[in-house]
Amino acid sequence: MKTLSVTVKSLIACVAIIAVASCSSKSSDKTVAVAAPVENAEGAAVVTNIRYIDADSVLSSYKLAQQLLEEQQREINRLQQWHESKQRELQSLANSISQKQQNNVYLSQASMDADMQNFQKKSEEAERYLATQQQRLANSELAIRARLSDSISNFVNDYNATRGFDAILLREAGVYFNPALNITAEIIEGLNNRFESSESK
């Protein structure tokens, strides 16, 4: 059986947390200008105002992500338990057929063939069910990724609308960022406050 576990790492690649907005006077007093001069159309140097987010930390601390991942893991555990139980059942049936054969219990080839066909049928049914449930879990994982992507992206866009940063990047997208540019804690706090507010309604 394929590994079905969903990890935070597997979601990161699908969560786009990039907000780009024009630099304006909306920036808060806490704004730290990033010395990354870029020439505008007139050839004048313009300082780009950038912040970054640690996606690992966001996804591991965001309560909606925790809730969705816990629900998914429970589904995975249930399927694994079912699979193990079904394997034991089929092994027991196979052992029974083997013992009957060794002890000459079968009075005819037809009776042994009937047991073998029953075993084959149960095996195929189990395989079909497992494949169906694995596909359902895969679809569920895609839905979780999409929901978290939308939720985080929407919040980051709203967050940046009041701050006017030129770009909010993922830490994973670069080699080094000045720690002073890290807004991960603010994003996590805002996401969780919004989630708790929606849950209380």
N, C-alpha and C. Protein backbone atom coordinates (compact mmCIF):
# COMPACT_ATOMS: atom_id res chain seq x y z
N MET A 1 0.84 -1.19 0.00
CA MET A 1 0.00 0.00 0.00
C MET A 1 0.88 1.24 0.00
N LYS A 2 0.54 2.20 -0.82
CA LYS A 2 1.34 3.41 -0.93
C LYS A 2 1.24 4.21 0.36
N THR A 3 2.28 4.98 0.64
CA THR A 3 2.23 5.84 1.81
C THR A 3 1.19 6.92 1.56
N LEU A 4 0.27 7.06 2.52
CA LEU A 4 -0.83 7.98 2.31
C LEU A 4 -0.70 9.24 3.14
N SER A 5 0.32 9.32 3.99
CA SER A 5 0.39 10.45 4.91
C SER A 5 0.57 11.78 4.20
N VAL A 6 -0.11 12.77 4.74
CA VAL A 6 -0.03 14.12 4.20
C VAL A 6 0.81 14.93 5.16
N THR A 7 1.84 15.56 4.68
CA THR A 7 2.70 16.34 5.54
C THR A 7 2.61 17.80 5.17
N VAL A 8 3.04 18.63 6.11
CA VAL A 8 3.06 20.06 5.86
C VAL A 8 3.95 20.38 4.69
N LYS A 9 5.07 19.66 4.56
CA LYS A 9 6.00 19.90 3.46
C LYS A 9 5.33 19.71 2.11
N SER A 10 4.46 18.71 2.02
CA SER A 10 3.82 18.43 0.73
C SER A 10 2.86 19.52 0.32
N LEU A 11 2.41 20.30 1.30
CA LEU A 11 1.48 21.38 0.99
C LEU A 11 2.18 22.66 0.57
N ILE A 12 3.41 22.82 1.06
CA ILE A 12 4.12 24.08 0.83
C ILE A 12 4.24 24.41 -0.65
N ALA A 13 4.56 23.39 -1.45
CA ALA A 13 4.77 23.63 -2.88
C ALA A 13 3.53 24.18 -3.55
N CYS A 14 2.35 23.88 -2.99
CA CYS A 14 1.11 24.30 -3.63
C CYS A 14 0.50 25.54 -2.99
N VAL A 15 1.13 26.07 -1.96
CA VAL A 15 0.57 27.24 -1.30
C VAL A 15 1.29 28.49 -1.78
N ALA A 16 0.63 29.30 -2.58
CA ALA A 16 1.24 30.53 -3.11
C ALA A 16 0.96 31.66 -2.14
N ILE A 17 2.00 32.14 -1.48
CA ILE A 17 1.82 33.21 -0.51
C ILE A 17 2.59 34.43 -1.01
N ILE A 18 2.28 34.85 -2.22
CA ILE A 18 2.99 35.99 -2.78
C ILE A 18 2.01 37.13 -3.05
N ALA A 19 2.23 38.26 -2.46
CA ALA A 19 1.37 39.41 -2.71
C ALA A 19 2.24 40.53 -3.27
N VAL A 20 1.84 41.06 -4.41
CA VAL A 20 2.59 42.16 -5.01
C VAL A 20 1.68 43.38 -5.12
N ALA A 21 2.14 44.49 -4.60
CA ALA A 21 1.34 45.71 -4.65
C ALA A 21 2.27 46.89 -4.89
N SER A 22 1.72 47.97 -5.40
CA SER A 22 2.55 49.14 -5.65
C SER A 22 2.92 49.80 -4.33
N CYS A 23 4.15 50.30 -4.27
CA CYS A 23 4.62 50.96 -3.06
C CYS A 23 3.87 52.28 -2.90
N SER A 24 3.31 52.50 -1.69
CA SER A 24 2.53 53.73 -1.47
C SER A 24 2.78 54.25 -0.08
N SER A 25 2.08 55.29 0.28
CA SER A 25 2.23 55.90 1.59
C SER A 25 1.50 55.10 2.67
N LYS A 26 0.92 53.97 2.30
CA LYS A 26 0.19 53.14 3.27
C LYS A 26 1.13 52.43 4.23
N SER A 27 2.42 52.36 3.95
CA SER A 27 3.35 51.62 4.78
C SER A 27 3.28 52.11 6.22
N SER A 28 3.34 51.17 7.18
CA SER A 28 3.26 51.53 8.59
C SER A 28 4.58 52.12 9.05
N ASP A 29 4.57 52.66 10.30
CA ASP A 29 5.78 53.26 10.85
C ASP A 29 6.87 52.21 11.04
N LYS A 30 6.46 50.94 11.17
CA LYS A 30 7.42 49.87 11.39
C LYS A 30 8.14 49.47 10.10
N THR A 31 7.72 50.01 8.99
CA THR A 31 8.26 49.60 7.70
C THR A 31 9.77 49.81 7.64
N VAL A 32 10.46 48.76 7.20
CA VAL A 32 11.91 48.84 7.02
C VAL A 32 12.18 48.81 5.53
N ALA A 33 12.75 49.86 5.00
CA ALA A 33 13.02 49.91 3.57
C ALA A 33 14.15 48.94 3.24
N VAL A 34 13.98 48.20 2.18
CA VAL A 34 15.00 47.25 1.75
C VAL A 34 15.85 47.92 0.69
N ALA A 35 17.14 47.89 0.90
CA ALA A 35 18.05 48.53 -0.05
C ALA A 35 18.22 47.65 -1.28
N ALA A 36 17.24 47.75 -2.15
CA ALA A 36 17.30 47.00 -3.40
C ALA A 36 16.91 47.93 -4.53
N PRO A 37 17.81 48.85 -4.88
CA PRO A 37 17.48 49.86 -5.88
C PRO A 37 17.17 49.25 -7.25
N VAL A 38 16.09 49.76 -7.81
CA VAL A 38 15.68 49.36 -9.16
C VAL A 38 15.40 50.65 -9.93
N GLU A 39 15.82 50.68 -11.16
CA GLU A 39 15.59 51.89 -11.95
C GLU A 39 14.17 51.90 -12.50
N ASN A 40 13.52 53.06 -12.37
CA ASN A 40 12.18 53.20 -12.96
C ASN A 40 12.32 53.62 -14.42
N ALA A 41 11.21 53.95 -15.05
CA ALA A 41 11.21 54.29 -16.48
C ALA A 41 12.08 55.51 -16.77
N GLU A 42 12.19 56.39 -15.79
CA GLU A 42 12.99 57.61 -15.99
C GLU A 42 14.46 57.40 -15.66
N GLY A 43 14.81 56.18 -15.22
CA GLY A 43 16.21 55.89 -14.89
C GLY A 43 16.58 56.23 -13.47
N ALA A 44 15.60 56.67 -12.66
CA ALA A 44 15.90 57.01 -11.27
C ALA A 44 15.85 55.74 -10.41
N ALA A 45 16.69 55.71 -9.37
CA ALA A 45 16.73 54.55 -8.49
C ALA A 45 15.51 54.56 -7.57
N VAL A 46 14.88 53.40 -7.43
CA VAL A 46 13.73 53.23 -6.55
C VAL A 46 14.03 52.11 -5.57
N VAL A 47 13.81 52.37 -4.27
CA VAL A 47 14.06 51.35 -3.26
C VAL A 47 12.84 50.43 -3.17
N THR A 48 13.06 49.13 -3.29
CA THR A 48 11.98 48.15 -3.23
C THR A 48 11.75 47.73 -1.79
N ASN A 49 10.47 47.72 -1.39
CA ASN A 49 10.09 47.41 -0.02
C ASN A 49 9.55 45.98 0.04
N ILE A 50 10.35 45.06 0.59
CA ILE A 50 10.03 43.63 0.56
C ILE A 50 9.95 43.05 1.97
N ARG A 51 9.09 42.05 2.13
CA ARG A 51 9.02 41.26 3.36
C ARG A 51 9.00 39.78 2.96
N TYR A 52 9.19 38.90 3.96
CA TYR A 52 9.13 37.47 3.64
C TYR A 52 8.39 36.70 4.72
N ILE A 53 7.94 35.50 4.33
CA ILE A 53 7.18 34.61 5.21
C ILE A 53 7.82 33.23 5.19
N ASP A 54 7.90 32.59 6.35
CA ASP A 54 8.36 31.21 6.45
C ASP A 54 7.13 30.31 6.31
N ALA A 55 6.97 29.68 5.16
CA ALA A 55 5.77 28.87 4.88
C ALA A 55 5.65 27.68 5.83
N ASP A 56 6.78 27.07 6.19
CA ASP A 56 6.76 25.95 7.14
C ASP A 56 6.08 26.37 8.44
N SER A 57 6.52 27.51 8.97
CA SER A 57 5.98 27.99 10.24
C SER A 57 4.51 28.37 10.12
N VAL A 58 4.15 29.00 9.00
CA VAL A 58 2.75 29.39 8.79
C VAL A 58 1.86 28.15 8.79
N LEU A 59 2.22 27.16 8.02
CA LEU A 59 1.38 25.98 7.88
C LEU A 59 1.36 25.11 9.14
N SER A 60 2.43 25.11 9.91
CA SER A 60 2.45 24.31 11.13
C SER A 60 1.73 25.01 12.28
N SER A 61 1.56 26.33 12.19
CA SER A 61 0.93 27.08 13.27
C SER A 61 -0.47 27.59 12.94
N TYR A 62 -0.85 27.53 11.67
CA TYR A 62 -2.17 27.99 11.24
C TYR A 62 -3.21 26.97 11.69
N LYS A 63 -4.17 27.39 12.48
CA LYS A 63 -5.14 26.47 13.09
C LYS A 63 -6.01 25.77 12.06
N LEU A 64 -6.35 26.44 10.98
CA LEU A 64 -7.14 25.79 9.93
C LEU A 64 -6.33 24.65 9.31
N ALA A 65 -5.04 24.89 9.05
CA ALA A 65 -4.18 23.85 8.47
C ALA A 65 -4.08 22.67 9.43
N GLN A 66 -3.91 22.95 10.73
CA GLN A 66 -3.82 21.89 11.73
C GLN A 66 -5.09 21.05 11.73
N GLN A 67 -6.23 21.73 11.69
CA GLN A 67 -7.52 21.04 11.72
C GLN A 67 -7.70 20.14 10.50
N LEU A 68 -7.42 20.69 9.32
CA LEU A 68 -7.59 19.93 8.09
C LEU A 68 -6.64 18.74 8.02
N LEU A 69 -5.40 18.95 8.45
CA LEU A 69 -4.42 17.86 8.41
C LEU A 69 -4.75 16.76 9.42
N GLU A 70 -5.28 17.14 10.57
CA GLU A 70 -5.68 16.15 11.57
C GLU A 70 -6.85 15.31 11.04
N GLU A 71 -7.80 15.96 10.39
CA GLU A 71 -8.94 15.23 9.81
C GLU A 71 -8.46 14.26 8.73
N GLN A 72 -7.55 14.74 7.88
CA GLN A 72 -7.00 13.89 6.82
C GLN A 72 -6.24 12.70 7.40
N GLN A 73 -5.47 12.96 8.46
CA GLN A 73 -4.69 11.88 9.06
C GLN A 73 -5.60 10.83 9.69
N ARG A 74 -6.72 11.25 10.27
CA ARG A 74 -7.67 10.28 10.81
C ARG A 74 -8.23 9.38 9.71
N GLU A 75 -8.52 9.99 8.55
CA GLU A 75 -9.01 9.20 7.42
C GLU A 75 -7.96 8.21 6.94
N ILE A 76 -6.72 8.66 6.90
CA ILE A 76 -5.62 7.79 6.48
C ILE A 76 -5.47 6.63 7.46
N ASN A 77 -5.53 6.92 8.75
CA ASN A 77 -5.39 5.88 9.77
C ASN A 77 -6.52 4.85 9.65
N ARG A 78 -7.74 5.33 9.40
CA ARG A 78 -8.87 4.41 9.26
C ARG A 78 -8.67 3.47 8.06
N LEU A 79 -8.18 4.03 6.95
CA LEU A 79 -7.95 3.20 5.77
C LEU A 79 -6.82 2.20 6.01
N GLN A 80 -5.78 2.63 6.70
CA GLN A 80 -4.68 1.72 7.01
C GLN A 80 -5.16 0.57 7.90
N GLN A 81 -6.01 0.90 8.89
CA GLN A 81 -6.55 -0.14 9.78
C GLN A 81 -7.42 -1.12 8.99
N TRP A 82 -8.26 -0.58 8.09
CA TRP A 82 -9.10 -1.44 7.27
C TRP A 82 -8.23 -2.36 6.41
N HIS A 83 -7.18 -1.79 5.82
CA HIS A 83 -6.29 -2.56 4.94
C HIS A 83 -5.61 -3.69 5.71
N GLU A 84 -5.12 -3.40 6.89
CA GLU A 84 -4.46 -4.42 7.70
C GLU A 84 -5.45 -5.52 8.09
N SER A 85 -6.68 -5.11 8.46
CA SER A 85 -7.71 -6.09 8.82
C SER A 85 -8.06 -6.98 7.63
N LYS A 86 -8.19 -6.37 6.45
CA LYS A 86 -8.52 -7.13 5.24
C LYS A 86 -7.39 -8.09 4.86
N GLN A 87 -6.15 -7.66 5.04
CA GLN A 87 -5.01 -8.53 4.75
C GLN A 87 -5.03 -9.76 5.67
N ARG A 88 -5.35 -9.53 6.95
CA ARG A 88 -5.43 -10.66 7.89
C ARG A 88 -6.55 -11.63 7.49
N GLU A 89 -7.69 -11.04 7.09
CA GLU A 89 -8.83 -11.87 6.66
C GLU A 89 -8.47 -12.71 5.45
N LEU A 90 -7.83 -12.12 4.46
CA LEU A 90 -7.46 -12.85 3.25
C LEU A 90 -6.39 -13.90 3.53
N GLN A 91 -5.46 -13.57 4.43
CA GLN A 91 -4.42 -14.53 4.79
C GLN A 91 -5.02 -15.74 5.50
N SER A 92 -6.01 -15.46 6.36
CA SER A 92 -6.69 -16.55 7.07
C SER A 92 -7.44 -17.45 6.08
N LEU A 93 -8.08 -16.83 5.09
CA LEU A 93 -8.81 -17.60 4.08
C LEU A 93 -7.85 -18.44 3.24
N ALA A 94 -6.72 -17.86 2.88
CA ALA A 94 -5.71 -18.59 2.11
C ALA A 94 -5.16 -19.76 2.91
N ASN A 95 -4.91 -19.56 4.21
CA ASN A 95 -4.42 -20.63 5.07
C ASN A 95 -5.44 -21.77 5.18
N SER A 96 -6.72 -21.38 5.26
CA SER A 96 -7.78 -22.38 5.36
C SER A 96 -7.83 -23.26 4.11
N ILE A 97 -7.71 -22.63 2.94
CA ILE A 97 -7.72 -23.38 1.68
C ILE A 97 -6.52 -24.32 1.63
N SER A 98 -5.37 -23.83 2.05
CA SER A 98 -4.15 -24.63 2.02
C SER A 98 -4.27 -25.84 2.95
N GLN A 99 -4.81 -25.62 4.15
CA GLN A 99 -4.97 -26.72 5.11
C GLN A 99 -5.95 -27.77 4.60
N LYS A 100 -7.06 -27.30 4.02
CA LYS A 100 -8.03 -28.24 3.46
C LYS A 100 -7.38 -29.10 2.36
N GLN A 101 -6.55 -28.44 1.57
CA GLN A 101 -5.88 -29.16 0.47
C GLN A 101 -4.91 -30.20 1.03
N GLN A 102 -4.15 -29.83 2.03
CA GLN A 102 -3.16 -30.74 2.62
C GLN A 102 -3.83 -31.91 3.34
N ASN A 103 -4.99 -31.65 3.94
CA ASN A 103 -5.70 -32.69 4.71
C ASN A 103 -6.72 -33.45 3.87
N ASN A 104 -6.69 -33.22 2.56
CA ASN A 104 -7.60 -33.91 1.64
C ASN A 104 -9.08 -33.73 2.03
N VAL A 105 -9.41 -32.53 2.47
CA VAL A 105 -10.80 -32.23 2.86
C VAL A 105 -11.68 -32.08 1.61
N TYR A 106 -11.10 -31.54 0.57
CA TYR A 106 -11.88 -31.33 -0.65
C TYR A 106 -12.25 -32.68 -1.27
N LEU A 107 -13.53 -32.88 -1.49
CA LEU A 107 -14.01 -34.13 -2.08
C LEU A 107 -13.96 -34.10 -3.61
N SER A 108 -13.85 -32.86 -4.14
CA SER A 108 -13.78 -32.73 -5.61
C SER A 108 -12.99 -31.49 -5.97
N GLN A 109 -12.54 -31.46 -7.21
CA GLN A 109 -11.83 -30.29 -7.73
C GLN A 109 -12.75 -29.09 -7.74
N ALA A 110 -14.02 -29.32 -7.99
CA ALA A 110 -15.01 -28.24 -8.08
C ALA A 110 -15.14 -27.50 -6.74
N SER A 111 -15.13 -28.24 -5.64
CA SER A 111 -15.27 -27.60 -4.32
C SER A 111 -14.03 -26.76 -3.99
N MET A 112 -12.85 -27.26 -4.37
CA MET A 112 -11.63 -26.47 -4.15
C MET A 112 -11.64 -25.24 -5.05
N ASP A 113 -12.06 -25.40 -6.30
CA ASP A 113 -12.13 -24.26 -7.23
C ASP A 113 -13.09 -23.19 -6.71
N ALA A 114 -14.17 -23.64 -6.09
CA ALA A 114 -15.15 -22.68 -5.55
C ALA A 114 -14.52 -21.83 -4.45
N ASP A 115 -13.75 -22.46 -3.57
CA ASP A 115 -13.05 -21.72 -2.50
C ASP A 115 -12.00 -20.77 -3.09
N MET A 116 -11.29 -21.23 -4.10
CA MET A 116 -10.27 -20.40 -4.74
C MET A 116 -10.91 -19.19 -5.42
N GLN A 117 -12.04 -19.41 -6.07
CA GLN A 117 -12.75 -18.31 -6.72
C GLN A 117 -13.27 -17.30 -5.70
N ASN A 118 -13.75 -17.83 -4.56
CA ASN A 118 -14.21 -16.94 -3.48
C ASN A 118 -13.06 -16.09 -2.96
N PHE A 119 -11.89 -16.73 -2.79
CA PHE A 119 -10.69 -15.99 -2.34
C PHE A 119 -10.30 -14.92 -3.35
N GLN A 120 -10.31 -15.28 -4.63
CA GLN A 120 -9.95 -14.34 -5.69
C GLN A 120 -10.92 -13.17 -5.73
N LYS A 121 -12.21 -13.48 -5.57
CA LYS A 121 -13.23 -12.42 -5.59
C LYS A 121 -13.03 -11.45 -4.45
N LYS A 122 -12.79 -11.97 -3.24
CA LYS A 122 -12.57 -11.10 -2.07
C LYS A 122 -11.31 -10.25 -2.24
N SER A 123 -10.27 -10.84 -2.83
CA SER A 123 -9.03 -10.10 -3.06
C SER A 123 -9.25 -8.94 -4.03
N GLU A 124 -9.95 -9.22 -5.11
CA GLU A 124 -10.22 -8.18 -6.12
C GLU A 124 -11.10 -7.08 -5.55
N GLU A 125 -12.10 -7.46 -4.75
CA GLU A 125 -12.98 -6.47 -4.12
C GLU A 125 -12.17 -5.57 -3.19
N ALA A 126 -11.26 -6.17 -2.44
CA ALA A 126 -10.42 -5.39 -1.52
C ALA A 126 -9.52 -4.43 -2.29
N GLU A 127 -8.96 -4.90 -3.39
CA GLU A 127 -8.08 -4.05 -4.20
C GLU A 127 -8.85 -2.87 -4.79
N ARG A 128 -10.07 -3.15 -5.27
CA ARG A 128 -10.89 -2.07 -5.84
C ARG A 128 -11.26 -1.04 -4.78
N TYR A 129 -11.65 -1.53 -3.63
CA TYR A 129 -12.04 -0.63 -2.53
C TYR A 129 -10.84 0.23 -2.11
N LEU A 130 -9.68 -0.41 -1.98
CA LEU A 130 -8.48 0.32 -1.58
C LEU A 130 -8.14 1.40 -2.60
N ALA A 131 -8.20 1.05 -3.88
CA ALA A 131 -7.90 2.03 -4.94
C ALA A 131 -8.87 3.19 -4.90
N THR A 132 -10.15 2.89 -4.68
CA THR A 132 -11.17 3.94 -4.61
C THR A 132 -10.91 4.89 -3.44
N GLN A 133 -10.57 4.30 -2.28
CA GLN A 133 -10.32 5.13 -1.09
C GLN A 133 -9.03 5.93 -1.22
N GLN A 134 -8.02 5.35 -1.86
CA GLN A 134 -6.78 6.09 -2.08
C GLN A 134 -7.03 7.30 -3.00
N GLN A 135 -7.87 7.09 -4.01
CA GLN A 135 -8.20 8.20 -4.91
C GLN A 135 -9.00 9.27 -4.17
N ARG A 136 -9.90 8.83 -3.30
CA ARG A 136 -10.69 9.78 -2.51
C ARG A 136 -9.77 10.61 -1.62
N LEU A 137 -8.80 9.96 -0.99
CA LEU A 137 -7.86 10.68 -0.14
C LEU A 137 -6.98 11.64 -0.95
N ALA A 138 -6.59 11.21 -2.14
CA ALA A 138 -5.78 12.09 -3.01
C ALA A 138 -6.58 13.32 -3.40
N ASN A 139 -7.87 13.13 -3.72
CA ASN A 139 -8.74 14.27 -4.06
C ASN A 139 -8.92 15.18 -2.85
N SER A 140 -9.03 14.57 -1.68
CA SER A 140 -9.18 15.34 -0.45
C SER A 140 -7.93 16.17 -0.19
N GLU A 141 -6.77 15.59 -0.45
CA GLU A 141 -5.51 16.33 -0.27
C GLU A 141 -5.45 17.53 -1.20
N LEU A 142 -5.87 17.34 -2.45
CA LEU A 142 -5.89 18.46 -3.40
C LEU A 142 -6.83 19.56 -2.92
N ALA A 143 -7.98 19.16 -2.37
CA ALA A 143 -8.95 20.14 -1.87
C ALA A 143 -8.37 20.90 -0.68
N ILE A 144 -7.63 20.20 0.18
CA ILE A 144 -7.00 20.86 1.33
C ILE A 144 -5.96 21.87 0.85
N ARG A 145 -5.16 21.45 -0.11
CA ARG A 145 -4.14 22.37 -0.66
C ARG A 145 -4.78 23.63 -1.23
N ALA A 146 -5.84 23.43 -2.00
CA ALA A 146 -6.52 24.56 -2.64
C ALA A 146 -7.12 25.49 -1.58
N ARG A 147 -7.75 24.90 -0.57
CA ARG A 147 -8.37 25.71 0.48
C ARG A 147 -7.34 26.51 1.26
N LEU A 148 -6.23 25.88 1.63
CA LEU A 148 -5.19 26.59 2.36
C LEU A 148 -4.53 27.66 1.49
N SER A 149 -4.31 27.34 0.23
CA SER A 149 -3.71 28.31 -0.69
C SER A 149 -4.58 29.55 -0.79
N ASP A 150 -5.89 29.34 -1.00
CA ASP A 150 -6.82 30.47 -1.11
C ASP A 150 -6.86 31.27 0.18
N SER A 151 -6.96 30.56 1.30
CA SER A 151 -7.08 31.22 2.60
C SER A 151 -5.86 32.09 2.90
N ILE A 152 -4.67 31.51 2.71
CA ILE A 152 -3.44 32.25 3.03
C ILE A 152 -3.22 33.39 2.04
N SER A 153 -3.41 33.12 0.77
CA SER A 153 -3.21 34.16 -0.25
C SER A 153 -4.16 35.33 -0.05
N ASN A 154 -5.43 35.03 0.23
CA ASN A 154 -6.41 36.09 0.47
C ASN A 154 -6.03 36.94 1.68
N PHE A 155 -5.59 36.26 2.75
CA PHE A 155 -5.20 37.03 3.94
C PHE A 155 -3.99 37.90 3.66
N VAL A 156 -2.98 37.34 2.98
CA VAL A 156 -1.76 38.11 2.69
C VAL A 156 -2.08 39.33 1.82
N ASN A 157 -2.98 39.15 0.86
CA ASN A 157 -3.38 40.29 0.02
C ASN A 157 -4.08 41.37 0.86
N ASP A 158 -4.98 40.94 1.76
CA ASP A 158 -5.66 41.90 2.63
C ASP A 158 -4.67 42.58 3.57
N TYR A 159 -3.75 41.78 4.10
CA TYR A 159 -2.72 42.30 5.01
C TYR A 159 -1.89 43.37 4.30
N ASN A 160 -1.47 43.07 3.07
CA ASN A 160 -0.60 44.00 2.35
C ASN A 160 -1.33 45.25 1.87
N ALA A 161 -2.65 45.16 1.76
CA ALA A 161 -3.42 46.33 1.31
C ALA A 161 -3.28 47.50 2.27
N THR A 162 -3.01 47.21 3.55
CA THR A 162 -2.85 48.28 4.55
C THR A 162 -1.38 48.61 4.81
N ARG A 163 -0.47 47.93 4.12
CA ARG A 163 0.95 48.16 4.36
C ARG A 163 1.71 48.61 3.12
N GLY A 164 1.26 48.19 1.97
CA GLY A 164 1.86 48.67 0.73
C GLY A 164 3.24 48.16 0.43
N PHE A 165 3.56 46.93 0.83
CA PHE A 165 4.86 46.37 0.46
C PHE A 165 4.87 46.09 -1.04
N ASP A 166 6.04 46.16 -1.63
CA ASP A 166 6.16 45.86 -3.05
C ASP A 166 6.06 44.37 -3.32
N ALA A 167 6.52 43.56 -2.37
CA ALA A 167 6.45 42.10 -2.53
C ALA A 167 6.54 41.44 -1.17
N ILE A 168 5.81 40.34 -1.04
CA ILE A 168 5.92 39.47 0.13
C ILE A 168 6.31 38.10 -0.41
N LEU A 169 7.50 37.66 -0.04
CA LEU A 169 8.08 36.44 -0.62
C LEU A 169 8.08 35.29 0.37
N LEU A 170 8.25 34.09 -0.16
CA LEU A 170 8.46 32.92 0.67
C LEU A 170 9.93 32.80 1.02
N ARG A 171 10.25 32.54 2.27
CA ARG A 171 11.64 32.34 2.67
C ARG A 171 12.28 31.22 1.86
N GLU A 172 11.48 30.19 1.55
CA GLU A 172 11.98 29.05 0.80
C GLU A 172 12.43 29.43 -0.61
N ALA A 173 12.02 30.60 -1.08
CA ALA A 173 12.36 31.01 -2.45
C ALA A 173 13.74 31.66 -2.53
N GLY A 174 14.36 31.94 -1.37
CA GLY A 174 15.66 32.61 -1.40
C GLY A 174 16.68 31.92 -0.50
N VAL A 175 17.92 32.34 -0.63
CA VAL A 175 19.01 31.77 0.17
C VAL A 175 19.15 32.52 1.49
N TYR A 176 19.03 33.85 1.43
CA TYR A 176 19.18 34.65 2.64
C TYR A 176 18.22 35.83 2.61
N PHE A 177 17.59 36.08 3.77
CA PHE A 177 16.79 37.27 3.98
C PHE A 177 17.17 37.86 5.33
N ASN A 178 17.23 39.17 5.40
CA ASN A 178 17.47 39.85 6.67
C ASN A 178 16.33 39.49 7.62
N PRO A 179 16.62 38.94 8.81
CA PRO A 179 15.56 38.55 9.75
C PRO A 179 14.60 39.69 10.10
N ALA A 180 15.06 40.94 9.97
CA ALA A 180 14.19 42.08 10.27
C ALA A 180 13.02 42.17 9.30
N LEU A 181 13.12 41.48 8.16
CA LEU A 181 12.06 41.53 7.15
C LEU A 181 11.03 40.40 7.33
N ASN A 182 11.21 39.59 8.36
CA ASN A 182 10.33 38.44 8.60
C ASN A 182 9.00 38.89 9.22
N ILE A 183 7.90 38.64 8.51
CA ILE A 183 6.57 39.00 9.03
C ILE A 183 5.74 37.74 9.31
N THR A 184 6.41 36.60 9.45
CA THR A 184 5.71 35.34 9.66
C THR A 184 4.80 35.38 10.88
N ALA A 185 5.29 35.89 11.99
CA ALA A 185 4.50 35.92 13.23
C ALA A 185 3.23 36.73 13.04
N GLU A 186 3.32 37.86 12.35
CA GLU A 186 2.14 38.69 12.10
C GLU A 186 1.13 37.96 11.24
N ILE A 187 1.61 37.25 10.22
CA ILE A 187 0.72 36.51 9.32
C ILE A 187 0.02 35.38 10.08
N ILE A 188 0.76 34.65 10.90
CA ILE A 188 0.17 33.56 11.68
C ILE A 188 -0.89 34.10 12.63
N GLU A 189 -0.56 35.17 13.33
CA GLU A 189 -1.51 35.76 14.27
C GLU A 189 -2.78 36.22 13.55
N GLY A 190 -2.61 36.88 12.42
CA GLY A 190 -3.76 37.36 11.66
C GLY A 190 -4.61 36.23 11.12
N LEU A 191 -3.96 35.18 10.59
CA LEU A 191 -4.70 34.03 10.07
C LEU A 191 -5.51 33.35 11.17
N ASN A 192 -4.88 33.16 12.33
CA ASN A 192 -5.57 32.48 13.42
C ASN A 192 -6.70 33.33 14.00
N ASN A 193 -6.48 34.63 14.08
CA ASN A 193 -7.55 35.52 14.57
C ASN A 193 -8.75 35.46 13.63
N ARG A 194 -8.48 35.49 12.32
CA ARG A 194 -9.57 35.42 11.34
C ARG A 194 -10.28 34.07 11.41
N PHE A 195 -9.51 32.99 11.57
CA PHE A 195 -10.10 31.64 11.65
C PHE A 195 -10.96 31.51 12.90
N GLU A 196 -10.46 31.95 14.05
CA GLU A 196 -11.22 31.85 15.29
C GLU A 196 -12.49 32.69 15.23
N SER A 197 -12.38 33.84 14.58
CA SER A 197 -13.56 34.71 14.43
C SER A 197 -14.63 34.03 13.58
N SER A 198 -14.20 33.38 12.50
CA SER A 198 -15.17 32.70 11.62
C SER A 198 -15.76 31.47 12.31
N GLU A 199 -14.98 30.80 13.16
CA GLU A 199 -15.46 29.63 13.87
C GLU A 199 -16.49 29.97 14.94
N SER A 200 -16.36 31.18 15.52
CA SER A 200 -17.26 31.58 16.60
C SER A 200 -18.62 32.06 16.07
N LYS A 201 -18.70 32.31 14.76
CA LYS A 201 -19.96 32.80 14.17
C LYS A 201 -20.96 31.67 14.01
